[in-house]
Amino acid sequence: MTWPNDADGDVFRTLEEDGFDFSSDHLVDFNIDFENWPPAAEAITLLKEKYNRVDIIEPDEEFEGYVKIQVTAELSYAFVTRVQKEITKSLKKYAAKCESWEVMDD
C-alpha cells in the first residue's frame, strides 16, 4: 500500500512492515491536546456526545495531560485523518488539537 509522506503515513508504513491486519476492525486511540489544562467541561461534554469512550489523562511528572477517545473501526489513512480533522475542528474554540493516534493489535 502507499500512504502520503507525513507522520500518519509513517505510522501506516510501520504497521504494514510489522504485518498489521488492515482488513479487520481495531480499537484506535486518538489523543487530544489542550492548550489550557484542564480542558473545559463543555469540551468534554461535546466529546462524550459523539464518542462512547472518552478518558481524561491527568498530567504527571512525565507527561502533560490529554484526553483520549477510542473508536473501533477498520484502520485506514482516510479514517484516521478524517477523525483527527473532525475532532480538531469541533474543539477549535477550546484550543485543542488531535494530531496523534495509536492502535494496539492483540
PDB file of N, CA and C in Angstrom:
ATOM      1  N   MET A   1       0.847  -1.179   0.000  1.00  0.00           N
ATOM      2  CA  MET A   1       0.000   0.000   0.000  1.00  0.00           C
ATOM      3  C   MET A   1       0.891   1.239   0.000  1.00  0.00           C
ATOM      4  N   THR A   2       0.315   2.339  -0.432  1.00  0.00           N
ATOM      5  CA  THR A   2       1.054   3.593  -0.486  1.00  0.00           C
ATOM      6  C   THR A   2       0.324   4.633   0.346  1.00  0.00           C
ATOM      7  N   TRP A   3       1.057   5.292   1.224  1.00  0.00           N
ATOM      8  CA  TRP A   3       0.491   6.347   2.050  1.00  0.00           C
ATOM      9  C   TRP A   3       1.286   7.627   1.842  1.00  0.00           C
ATOM     10  N   PRO A   4       0.650   8.773   2.111  1.00  0.00           N
ATOM     11  CA  PRO A   4       1.352  10.049   1.956  1.00  0.00           C
ATOM     12  C   PRO A   4       2.613  10.115   2.834  1.00  0.00           C
ATOM     13  N   ASN A   5       3.504  10.991   2.448  1.00  0.00           N
ATOM     14  CA  ASN A   5       4.751  11.180   3.181  1.00  0.00           C
ATOM     15  C   ASN A   5       4.535  12.180   4.308  1.00  0.00           C
ATOM     16  N   ASP A   6       3.882  11.712   5.361  1.00  0.00           N
ATOM     17  CA  ASP A   6       3.644  12.544   6.544  1.00  0.00           C
ATOM     18  C   ASP A   6       3.686  11.637   7.777  1.00  0.00           C
ATOM     19  N   ALA A   7       3.467  12.225   8.946  1.00  0.00           N
ATOM     20  CA  ALA A   7       3.566  11.452  10.191  1.00  0.00           C
ATOM     21  C   ALA A   7       2.573  10.282  10.215  1.00  0.00           C
ATOM     22  N   ASP A   8       1.348  10.520   9.756  1.00  0.00           N
ATOM     23  CA  ASP A   8       0.352   9.440   9.744  1.00  0.00           C
ATOM     24  C   ASP A   8       0.761   8.342   8.765  1.00  0.00           C
ATOM     25  N   GLY A   9       1.234   8.742   7.597  1.00  0.00           N
ATOM     26  CA  GLY A   9       1.710   7.763   6.619  1.00  0.00           C
ATOM     27  C   GLY A   9       2.857   6.934   7.169  1.00  0.00           C
ATOM     28  N   ASP A  10       3.743   7.584   7.949  1.00  0.00           N
ATOM     29  CA  ASP A  10       4.864   6.858   8.568  1.00  0.00           C
ATOM     30  C   ASP A  10       4.355   5.756   9.497  1.00  0.00           C
ATOM     31  N   VAL A  11       3.312   6.063  10.269  1.00  0.00           N
ATOM     32  CA  VAL A  11       2.749   5.056  11.179  1.00  0.00           C
ATOM     33  C   VAL A  11       2.173   3.885  10.365  1.00  0.00           C
ATOM     34  N   PHE A  12       1.476   4.199   9.298  1.00  0.00           N
ATOM     35  CA  PHE A  12       0.903   3.132   8.470  1.00  0.00           C
ATOM     36  C   PHE A  12       1.994   2.264   7.850  1.00  0.00           C
ATOM     37  N   ARG A  13       3.079   2.881   7.392  1.00  0.00           N
ATOM     38  CA  ARG A  13       4.183   2.097   6.826  1.00  0.00           C
ATOM     39  C   ARG A  13       4.791   1.170   7.883  1.00  0.00           C
ATOM     40  N   THR A  14       4.951   1.665   9.098  1.00  0.00           N
ATOM     41  CA  THR A  14       5.495   0.842  10.185  1.00  0.00           C
ATOM     42  C   THR A  14       4.560  -0.319  10.500  1.00  0.00           C
ATOM     43  N   LEU A  15       3.256  -0.022  10.571  1.00  0.00           N
ATOM     44  CA  LEU A  15       2.289  -1.086  10.833  1.00  0.00           C
ATOM     45  C   LEU A  15       2.342  -2.148   9.745  1.00  0.00           C
ATOM     46  N   GLU A  16       2.420  -1.721   8.498  1.00  0.00           N
ATOM     47  CA  GLU A  16       2.490  -2.671   7.386  1.00  0.00           C
ATOM     48  C   GLU A  16       3.745  -3.538   7.500  1.00  0.00           C
ATOM     49  N   GLU A  17       4.876  -2.922   7.817  1.00  0.00           N
ATOM     50  CA  GLU A  17       6.132  -3.666   7.972  1.00  0.00           C
ATOM     51  C   GLU A  17       6.025  -4.709   9.087  1.00  0.00           C
ATOM     52  N   ASP A  18       5.226  -4.395  10.104  1.00  0.00           N
ATOM     53  CA  ASP A  18       5.041  -5.304  11.232  1.00  0.00           C
ATOM     54  C   ASP A  18       3.968  -6.360  10.979  1.00  0.00           C
ATOM     55  N   GLY A  19       3.377  -6.374   9.773  1.00  0.00           N
ATOM     56  CA  GLY A  19       2.386  -7.381   9.427  1.00  0.00           C
ATOM     57  C   GLY A  19       0.993  -7.105   9.961  1.00  0.00           C
ATOM     58  N   PHE A  20       0.664  -5.849  10.185  1.00  0.00           N
ATOM     59  CA  PHE A  20      -0.633  -5.460  10.734  1.00  0.00           C
ATOM     60  C   PHE A  20      -1.776  -5.881   9.809  1.00  0.00           C
ATOM     61  N   ASP A  21      -2.879  -6.345  10.375  1.00  0.00           N
ATOM     62  CA  ASP A  21      -4.064  -6.763   9.614  1.00  0.00           C
ATOM     63  C   ASP A  21      -4.990  -5.559   9.426  1.00  0.00           C
ATOM     64  N   PHE A  22      -4.950  -4.973   8.252  1.00  0.00           N
ATOM     65  CA  PHE A  22      -5.778  -3.805   7.951  1.00  0.00           C
ATOM     66  C   PHE A  22      -7.205  -4.182   7.573  1.00  0.00           C
ATOM     67  N   SER A  23      -7.499  -5.469   7.429  1.00  0.00           N
ATOM     68  CA  SER A  23      -8.813  -5.892   6.938  1.00  0.00           C
ATOM     69  C   SER A  23      -9.855  -6.077   8.041  1.00  0.00           C
ATOM     70  N   SER A  24      -9.451  -5.962   9.301  1.00  0.00           N
ATOM     71  CA  SER A  24     -10.428  -6.144  10.378  1.00  0.00           C
ATOM     72  C   SER A  24     -10.497  -4.885  11.251  1.00  0.00           C
ATOM     73  N   ASP A  25     -11.506  -4.827  12.094  1.00  0.00           N
ATOM     74  CA  ASP A  25     -11.679  -3.683  12.986  1.00  0.00           C
ATOM     75  C   ASP A  25     -10.677  -3.732  14.133  1.00  0.00           C
ATOM     76  N   HIS A  26     -10.260  -2.545  14.556  1.00  0.00           N
ATOM     77  CA  HIS A  26      -9.315  -2.403  15.662  1.00  0.00           C
ATOM     78  C   HIS A  26      -9.750  -1.240  16.542  1.00  0.00           C
ATOM     79  N   LEU A  27      -9.308  -1.255  17.785  1.00  0.00           N
ATOM     80  CA  LEU A  27      -9.541  -0.149  18.700  1.00  0.00           C
ATOM     81  C   LEU A  27      -8.458   0.898  18.462  1.00  0.00           C
ATOM     82  N   VAL A  28      -8.872   2.087  18.064  1.00  0.00           N
ATOM     83  CA  VAL A  28      -7.939   3.168  17.737  1.00  0.00           C
ATOM     84  C   VAL A  28      -8.071   4.247  18.799  1.00  0.00           C
ATOM     85  N   ASP A  29      -6.938   4.621  19.385  1.00  0.00           N
ATOM     86  CA  ASP A  29      -6.885   5.709  20.370  1.00  0.00           C
ATOM     87  C   ASP A  29      -6.503   6.999  19.662  1.00  0.00           C
ATOM     88  N   PHE A  30      -7.295   8.046  19.882  1.00  0.00           N
ATOM     89  CA  PHE A  30      -6.964   9.374  19.382  1.00  0.00           C
ATOM     90  C   PHE A  30      -6.679  10.262  20.588  1.00  0.00           C
ATOM     91  N   ASN A  31      -5.535  10.930  20.568  1.00  0.00           N
ATOM     92  CA  ASN A  31      -5.121  11.776  21.682  1.00  0.00           C
ATOM     93  C   ASN A  31      -5.359  13.243  21.347  1.00  0.00           C
ATOM     94  N   ILE A  32      -5.985  13.943  22.278  1.00  0.00           N
ATOM     95  CA  ILE A  32      -6.357  15.340  22.071  1.00  0.00           C
ATOM     96  C   ILE A  32      -5.597  16.192  23.071  1.00  0.00           C
ATOM     97  N   ASP A  33      -4.824  17.124  22.548  1.00  0.00           N
ATOM     98  CA  ASP A  33      -4.045  18.035  23.386  1.00  0.00           C
ATOM     99  C   ASP A  33      -4.772  19.364  23.511  1.00  0.00           C
ATOM    100  N   PHE A  34      -4.850  19.861  24.733  1.00  0.00           N
ATOM    101  CA  PHE A  34      -5.489  21.138  25.022  1.00  0.00           C
ATOM    102  C   PHE A  34      -4.427  22.151  25.412  1.00  0.00           C
ATOM    103  N   GLU A  35      -4.510  23.334  24.808  1.00  0.00           N
ATOM    104  CA  GLU A  35      -3.560  24.393  25.136  1.00  0.00           C
ATOM    105  C   GLU A  35      -3.658  24.785  26.604  1.00  0.00           C
ATOM    106  N   ASN A  36      -4.875  24.761  27.128  1.00  0.00           N
ATOM    107  CA  ASN A  36      -5.106  25.101  28.532  1.00  0.00           C
ATOM    108  C   ASN A  36      -5.610  23.875  29.273  1.00  0.00           C
ATOM    109  N   TRP A  37      -4.978  23.582  30.383  1.00  0.00           N
ATOM    110  CA  TRP A  37      -5.369  22.420  31.187  1.00  0.00           C
ATOM    111  C   TRP A  37      -5.896  22.882  32.520  1.00  0.00           C
ATOM    112  N   PRO A  38      -6.942  22.319  33.029  1.00  0.00           N
ATOM    113  CA  PRO A  38      -7.713  21.209  32.475  1.00  0.00           C
ATOM    114  C   PRO A  38      -8.639  21.689  31.362  1.00  0.00           C
ATOM    115  N   PRO A  39      -9.095  20.763  30.530  1.00  0.00           N
ATOM    116  CA  PRO A  39      -9.999  21.146  29.447  1.00  0.00           C
ATOM    117  C   PRO A  39     -11.344  21.622  29.996  1.00  0.00           C
ATOM    118  N   ALA A  40     -11.979  22.485  29.242  1.00  0.00           N
ATOM    119  CA  ALA A  40     -13.298  22.989  29.628  1.00  0.00           C
ATOM    120  C   ALA A  40     -14.294  21.838  29.698  1.00  0.00           C
ATOM    121  N   ALA A  41     -15.172  21.891  30.676  1.00  0.00           N
ATOM    122  CA  ALA A  41     -16.199  20.849  30.835  1.00  0.00           C
ATOM    123  C   ALA A  41     -17.050  20.731  29.573  1.00  0.00           C
ATOM    124  N   GLU A  42     -17.301  21.863  28.911  1.00  0.00           N
ATOM    125  CA  GLU A  42     -18.084  21.838  27.665  1.00  0.00           C
ATOM    126  C   GLU A  42     -17.392  21.003  26.589  1.00  0.00           C
ATOM    127  N   ALA A  43     -16.078  21.078  26.526  1.00  0.00           N
ATOM    128  CA  ALA A  43     -15.325  20.311  25.531  1.00  0.00           C
ATOM    129  C   ALA A  43     -15.470  18.814  25.798  1.00  0.00           C
ATOM    130  N   ILE A  44     -15.392  18.436  27.051  1.00  0.00           N
ATOM    131  CA  ILE A  44     -15.530  17.018  27.411  1.00  0.00           C
ATOM    132  C   ILE A  44     -16.943  16.539  27.107  1.00  0.00           C
ATOM    133  N   THR A  45     -17.935  17.356  27.420  1.00  0.00           N
ATOM    134  CA  THR A  45     -19.328  17.011  27.123  1.00  0.00           C
ATOM    135  C   THR A  45     -19.520  16.817  25.625  1.00  0.00           C
ATOM    136  N   LEU A  46     -18.946  17.703  24.829  1.00  0.00           N
ATOM    137  CA  LEU A  46     -19.042  17.600  23.374  1.00  0.00           C
ATOM    138  C   LEU A  46     -18.461  16.278  22.885  1.00  0.00           C
ATOM    139  N   LEU A  47     -17.305  15.905  23.421  1.00  0.00           N
ATOM    140  CA  LEU A  47     -16.689  14.638  23.031  1.00  0.00           C
ATOM    141  C   LEU A  47     -17.542  13.446  23.452  1.00  0.00           C
ATOM    142  N   LYS A  48     -18.080  13.492  24.664  1.00  0.00           N
ATOM    143  CA  LYS A  48     -18.892  12.377  25.163  1.00  0.00           C
ATOM    144  C   LYS A  48     -20.194  12.214  24.390  1.00  0.00           C
ATOM    145  N   GLU A  49     -20.693  13.299  23.804  1.00  0.00           N
ATOM    146  CA  GLU A  49     -21.902  13.207  22.984  1.00  0.00           C
ATOM    147  C   GLU A  49     -21.631  12.455  21.687  1.00  0.00           C
ATOM    148  N   LYS A  50     -20.403  12.524  21.202  1.00  0.00           N
ATOM    149  CA  LYS A  50     -20.067  11.907  19.916  1.00  0.00           C
ATOM    150  C   LYS A  50     -19.362  10.560  20.058  1.00  0.00           C
ATOM    151  N   TYR A  51     -18.572  10.399  21.117  1.00  0.00           N
ATOM    152  CA  TYR A  51     -17.768   9.191  21.283  1.00  0.00           C
ATOM    153  C   TYR A  51     -18.117   8.506  22.604  1.00  0.00           C
ATOM    154  N   ASN A  52     -18.220   7.180  22.575  1.00  0.00           N
ATOM    155  CA  ASN A  52     -18.578   6.421  23.774  1.00  0.00           C
ATOM    156  C   ASN A  52     -17.448   6.329  24.777  1.00  0.00           C
ATOM    157  N   ARG A  53     -16.224   6.306  24.284  1.00  0.00           N
ATOM    158  CA  ARG A  53     -15.074   6.099  25.159  1.00  0.00           C
ATOM    159  C   ARG A  53     -14.215   7.354  25.193  1.00  0.00           C
ATOM    160  N   VAL A  54     -14.329   8.103  26.286  1.00  0.00           N
ATOM    161  CA  VAL A  54     -13.573   9.343  26.480  1.00  0.00           C
ATOM    162  C   VAL A  54     -12.883   9.260  27.835  1.00  0.00           C
ATOM    163  N   ASP A  55     -11.564   9.391  27.833  1.00  0.00           N
ATOM    164  CA  ASP A  55     -10.792   9.338  29.074  1.00  0.00           C
ATOM    165  C   ASP A  55      -9.961  10.607  29.214  1.00  0.00           C
ATOM    166  N   ILE A  56      -9.976  11.171  30.404  1.00  0.00           N
ATOM    167  CA  ILE A  56      -9.133  12.324  30.707  1.00  0.00           C
ATOM    168  C   ILE A  56      -7.873  11.780  31.374  1.00  0.00           C
ATOM    169  N   ILE A  57      -6.742  12.028  30.756  1.00  0.00           N
ATOM    170  CA  ILE A  57      -5.464  11.570  31.280  1.00  0.00           C
ATOM    171  C   ILE A  57      -4.796  12.774  31.951  1.00  0.00           C
ATOM    172  N   GLU A  58      -4.769  12.728  33.267  1.00  0.00           N
ATOM    173  CA  GLU A  58      -4.232  13.850  34.041  1.00  0.00           C
ATOM    174  C   GLU A  58      -2.713  13.950  33.866  1.00  0.00           C
ATOM    175  N   PRO A  59      -2.189  15.172  33.923  1.00  0.00           N
ATOM    176  CA  PRO A  59      -0.733  15.328  33.803  1.00  0.00           C
ATOM    177  C   PRO A  59      -0.016  14.687  34.991  1.00  0.00           C
ATOM    178  N   ASP A  60       1.208  14.270  34.743  1.00  0.00           N
ATOM    179  CA  ASP A  60       2.047  13.750  35.821  1.00  0.00           C
ATOM    180  C   ASP A  60       3.472  14.275  35.617  1.00  0.00           C
ATOM    181  N   GLU A  61       4.427  13.681  36.305  1.00  0.00           N
ATOM    182  CA  GLU A  61       5.802  14.148  36.236  1.00  0.00           C
ATOM    183  C   GLU A  61       6.402  14.013  34.837  1.00  0.00           C
ATOM    184  N   GLU A  62       5.918  13.056  34.056  1.00  0.00           N
ATOM    185  CA  GLU A  62       6.499  12.764  32.754  1.00  0.00           C
ATOM    186  C   GLU A  62       5.724  13.333  31.572  1.00  0.00           C
ATOM    187  N   PHE A  63       4.405  13.452  31.703  1.00  0.00           N
ATOM    188  CA  PHE A  63       3.582  13.824  30.558  1.00  0.00           C
ATOM    189  C   PHE A  63       2.605  14.938  30.893  1.00  0.00           C
ATOM    190  N   GLU A  64       2.304  15.742  29.879  1.00  0.00           N
ATOM    191  CA  GLU A  64       1.239  16.730  30.023  1.00  0.00           C
ATOM    192  C   GLU A  64      -0.092  15.988  29.928  1.00  0.00           C
ATOM    193  N   GLY A  65      -1.136  16.576  30.457  1.00  0.00           N
ATOM    194  CA  GLY A  65      -2.445  15.951  30.375  1.00  0.00           C
ATOM    195  C   GLY A  65      -2.982  15.976  28.956  1.00  0.00           C
ATOM    196  N   TYR A  66      -3.866  15.044  28.675  1.00  0.00           N
ATOM    197  CA  TYR A  66      -4.538  14.992  27.381  1.00  0.00           C
ATOM    198  C   TYR A  66      -5.834  14.222  27.542  1.00  0.00           C
ATOM    199  N   VAL A  67      -6.654  14.252  26.518  1.00  0.00           N
ATOM    200  CA  VAL A  67      -7.894  13.487  26.501  1.00  0.00           C
ATOM    201  C   VAL A  67      -7.749  12.433  25.407  1.00  0.00           C
ATOM    202  N   LYS A  68      -8.166  11.222  25.738  1.00  0.00           N
ATOM    203  CA  LYS A  68      -8.089  10.116  24.784  1.00  0.00           C
ATOM    204  C   LYS A  68      -9.499   9.651  24.468  1.00  0.00           C
ATOM    205  N   ILE A  69      -9.778   9.528  23.183  1.00  0.00           N
ATOM    206  CA  ILE A  69     -11.023   8.877  22.776  1.00  0.00           C
ATOM    207  C   ILE A  69     -10.648   7.586  22.068  1.00  0.00           C
ATOM    208  N   GLN A  70     -11.554   6.625  22.103  1.00  0.00           N
ATOM    209  CA  GLN A  70     -11.316   5.353  21.450  1.00  0.00           C
ATOM    210  C   GLN A  70     -12.470   5.054  20.498  1.00  0.00           C
ATOM    211  N   VAL A  71     -12.089   4.614  19.302  1.00  0.00           N
ATOM    212  CA  VAL A  71     -13.066   4.289  18.276  1.00  0.00           C
ATOM    213  C   VAL A  71     -12.685   2.934  17.686  1.00  0.00           C
ATOM    214  N   THR A  72     -13.657   2.055  17.540  1.00  0.00           N
ATOM    215  CA  THR A  72     -13.413   0.780  16.885  1.00  0.00           C
ATOM    216  C   THR A  72     -13.808   0.911  15.424  1.00  0.00           C
ATOM    217  N   ALA A  73     -12.843   0.613  14.540  1.00  0.00           N
ATOM    218  CA  ALA A  73     -13.090   0.756  13.110  1.00  0.00           C
ATOM    219  C   ALA A  73     -12.020   0.004  12.330  1.00  0.00           C
ATOM    220  N   GLU A  74     -12.287  -0.173  11.052  1.00  0.00           N
ATOM    221  CA  GLU A  74     -11.267  -0.696  10.161  1.00  0.00           C
ATOM    222  C   GLU A  74     -10.271   0.430   9.925  1.00  0.00           C
ATOM    223  N   LEU A  75      -9.018   0.169  10.154  1.00  0.00           N
ATOM    224  CA  LEU A  75      -7.997   1.208  10.110  1.00  0.00           C
ATOM    225  C   LEU A  75      -7.623   1.563   8.678  1.00  0.00           C
ATOM    226  N   SER A  76      -7.778   2.839   8.358  1.00  0.00           N
ATOM    227  CA  SER A  76      -7.353   3.345   7.060  1.00  0.00           C
ATOM    228  C   SER A  76      -6.835   4.773   7.246  1.00  0.00           C
ATOM    229  N   TYR A  77      -6.019   5.192   6.306  1.00  0.00           N
ATOM    230  CA  TYR A  77      -5.477   6.547   6.358  1.00  0.00           C
ATOM    231  C   TYR A  77      -6.614   7.564   6.323  1.00  0.00           C
ATOM    232  N   ALA A  78      -7.589   7.344   5.450  1.00  0.00           N
ATOM    233  CA  ALA A  78      -8.722   8.280   5.334  1.00  0.00           C
ATOM    234  C   ALA A  78      -9.491   8.367   6.650  1.00  0.00           C
ATOM    235  N   PHE A  79      -9.709   7.238   7.301  1.00  0.00           N
ATOM    236  CA  PHE A  79     -10.416   7.230   8.580  1.00  0.00           C
ATOM    237  C   PHE A  79      -9.650   8.037   9.623  1.00  0.00           C
ATOM    238  N   VAL A  80      -8.364   7.755   9.782  1.00  0.00           N
ATOM    239  CA  VAL A  80      -7.557   8.423  10.804  1.00  0.00           C
ATOM    240  C   VAL A  80      -7.526   9.932  10.577  1.00  0.00           C
ATOM    241  N   THR A  81      -7.235  10.351   9.364  1.00  0.00           N
ATOM    242  CA  THR A  81      -7.123  11.794   9.111  1.00  0.00           C
ATOM    243  C   THR A  81      -8.478  12.485   9.219  1.00  0.00           C
ATOM    244  N   ARG A  82      -9.553  11.800   8.830  1.00  0.00           N
ATOM    245  CA  ARG A  82     -10.893  12.391   8.958  1.00  0.00           C
ATOM    246  C   ARG A  82     -11.243  12.618  10.423  1.00  0.00           C
ATOM    247  N   VAL A  83     -11.029  11.611  11.259  1.00  0.00           N
ATOM    248  CA  VAL A  83     -11.359  11.730  12.679  1.00  0.00           C
ATOM    249  C   VAL A  83     -10.513  12.832  13.334  1.00  0.00           C
ATOM    250  N   GLN A  84      -9.229  12.868  13.027  1.00  0.00           N
ATOM    251  CA  GLN A  84      -8.373  13.914  13.597  1.00  0.00           C
ATOM    252  C   GLN A  84      -8.876  15.312  13.212  1.00  0.00           C
ATOM    253  N   LYS A  85      -9.220  15.493  11.955  1.00  0.00           N
ATOM    254  CA  LYS A  85      -9.719  16.794  11.485  1.00  0.00           C
ATOM    255  C   LYS A  85     -11.048  17.144  12.144  1.00  0.00           C
ATOM    256  N   GLU A  86     -11.959  16.163  12.237  1.00  0.00           N
ATOM    257  CA  GLU A  86     -13.264  16.406  12.860  1.00  0.00           C
ATOM    258  C   GLU A  86     -13.111  16.832  14.315  1.00  0.00           C
ATOM    259  N   ILE A  87     -12.266  16.134  15.051  1.00  0.00           N
ATOM    260  CA  ILE A  87     -12.061  16.464  16.466  1.00  0.00           C
ATOM    261  C   ILE A  87     -11.458  17.858  16.602  1.00  0.00           C
ATOM    262  N   THR A  88     -10.411  18.124  15.842  1.00  0.00           N
ATOM    263  CA  THR A  88      -9.740  19.424  15.922  1.00  0.00           C
ATOM    264  C   THR A  88     -10.708  20.550  15.568  1.00  0.00           C
ATOM    265  N   LYS A  89     -11.489  20.365  14.520  1.00  0.00           N
ATOM    266  CA  LYS A  89     -12.446  21.397  14.117  1.00  0.00           C
ATOM    267  C   LYS A  89     -13.513  21.619  15.192  1.00  0.00           C
ATOM    268  N   SER A  90     -14.042  20.547  15.745  1.00  0.00           N
ATOM    269  CA  SER A  90     -15.121  20.676  16.729  1.00  0.00           C
ATOM    270  C   SER A  90     -14.632  21.277  18.049  1.00  0.00           C
ATOM    271  N   LEU A  91     -13.333  21.179  18.318  1.00  0.00           N
ATOM    272  CA  LEU A  91     -12.787  21.700  19.577  1.00  0.00           C
ATOM    273  C   LEU A  91     -11.941  22.954  19.390  1.00  0.00           C
ATOM    274  N   LYS A  92     -12.044  23.556  18.234  1.00  0.00           N
ATOM    275  CA  LYS A  92     -11.212  24.733  17.934  1.00  0.00           C
ATOM    276  C   LYS A  92     -11.375  25.832  18.978  1.00  0.00           C
ATOM    277  N   LYS A  93     -12.593  26.121  19.383  1.00  0.00           N
ATOM    278  CA  LYS A  93     -12.810  27.204  20.345  1.00  0.00           C
ATOM    279  C   LYS A  93     -12.257  26.886  21.735  1.00  0.00           C
ATOM    280  N   TYR A  94     -11.870  25.617  21.958  1.00  0.00           N
ATOM    281  CA  TYR A  94     -11.286  25.209  23.237  1.00  0.00           C
ATOM    282  C   TYR A  94      -9.762  25.069  23.144  1.00  0.00           C
ATOM    283  N   ALA A  95      -9.192  25.550  22.037  1.00  0.00           N
ATOM    284  CA  ALA A  95      -7.740  25.493  21.801  1.00  0.00           C
ATOM    285  C   ALA A  95      -7.213  24.067  21.948  1.00  0.00           C
ATOM    286  N   ALA A  96      -7.847  23.152  21.224  1.00  0.00           N
ATOM    287  CA  ALA A  96      -7.455  21.743  21.279  1.00  0.00           C
ATOM    288  C   ALA A  96      -7.130  21.244  19.877  1.00  0.00           C
ATOM    289  N   LYS A  97      -6.235  20.266  19.830  1.00  0.00           N
ATOM    290  CA  LYS A  97      -5.852  19.647  18.563  1.00  0.00           C
ATOM    291  C   LYS A  97      -5.709  18.145  18.751  1.00  0.00           C
ATOM    292  N   CYS A  98      -6.109  17.432  17.723  1.00  0.00           N
ATOM    293  CA  CYS A  98      -5.913  15.983  17.695  1.00  0.00           C
ATOM    294  C   CYS A  98      -4.921  15.701  16.573  1.00  0.00           C
ATOM    295  N   GLU A  99      -3.687  15.395  16.962  1.00  0.00           N
ATOM    296  CA  GLU A  99      -2.645  15.158  15.971  1.00  0.00           C
ATOM    297  C   GLU A  99      -1.929  13.835  16.170  1.00  0.00           C
ATOM    298  N   SER A 100      -2.379  13.047  17.150  1.00  0.00           N
ATOM    299  CA  SER A 100      -1.720  11.756  17.348  1.00  0.00           C
ATOM    300  C   SER A 100      -2.748  10.663  17.616  1.00  0.00           C
ATOM    301  N   TRP A 101      -2.352   9.464  17.272  1.00  0.00           N
ATOM    302  CA  TRP A 101      -3.224   8.306  17.419  1.00  0.00           C
ATOM    303  C   TRP A 101      -2.350   7.063  17.531  1.00  0.00           C
ATOM    304  N   GLU A 102      -2.970   5.996  17.979  1.00  0.00           N
ATOM    305  CA  GLU A 102      -2.270   4.716  18.038  1.00  0.00           C
ATOM    306  C   GLU A 102      -3.299   3.599  18.014  1.00  0.00           C
ATOM    307  N   VAL A 103      -2.823   2.451  17.647  1.00  0.00           N
ATOM    308  CA  VAL A 103      -3.666   1.269  17.627  1.00  0.00           C
ATOM    309  C   VAL A 103      -2.870   0.137  18.255  1.00  0.00           C
ATOM    310  N   MET A 104      -3.538  -0.588  19.132  1.00  0.00           N
ATOM    311  CA  MET A 104      -2.887  -1.723  19.785  1.00  0.00           C
ATOM    312  C   MET A 104      -3.457  -2.982  19.167  1.00  0.00           C
ATOM    313  N   ASP A 105      -2.604  -3.777  18.562  1.00  0.00           N
ATOM    314  CA  ASP A 105      -3.040  -5.017  17.936  1.00  0.00           C
ATOM    315  C   ASP A 105      -2.804  -6.163  18.900  1.00  0.00           C
ATOM    316  N   ASP A 106      -3.860  -6.906  19.158  1.00  0.00           N
ATOM    317  CA  ASP A 106      -3.748  -8.050  20.082  1.00  0.00           C
ATOM    318  C   ASP A 106      -3.059  -9.223  19.433  1.00  0.00           C
TER     319      ASP A 106
END
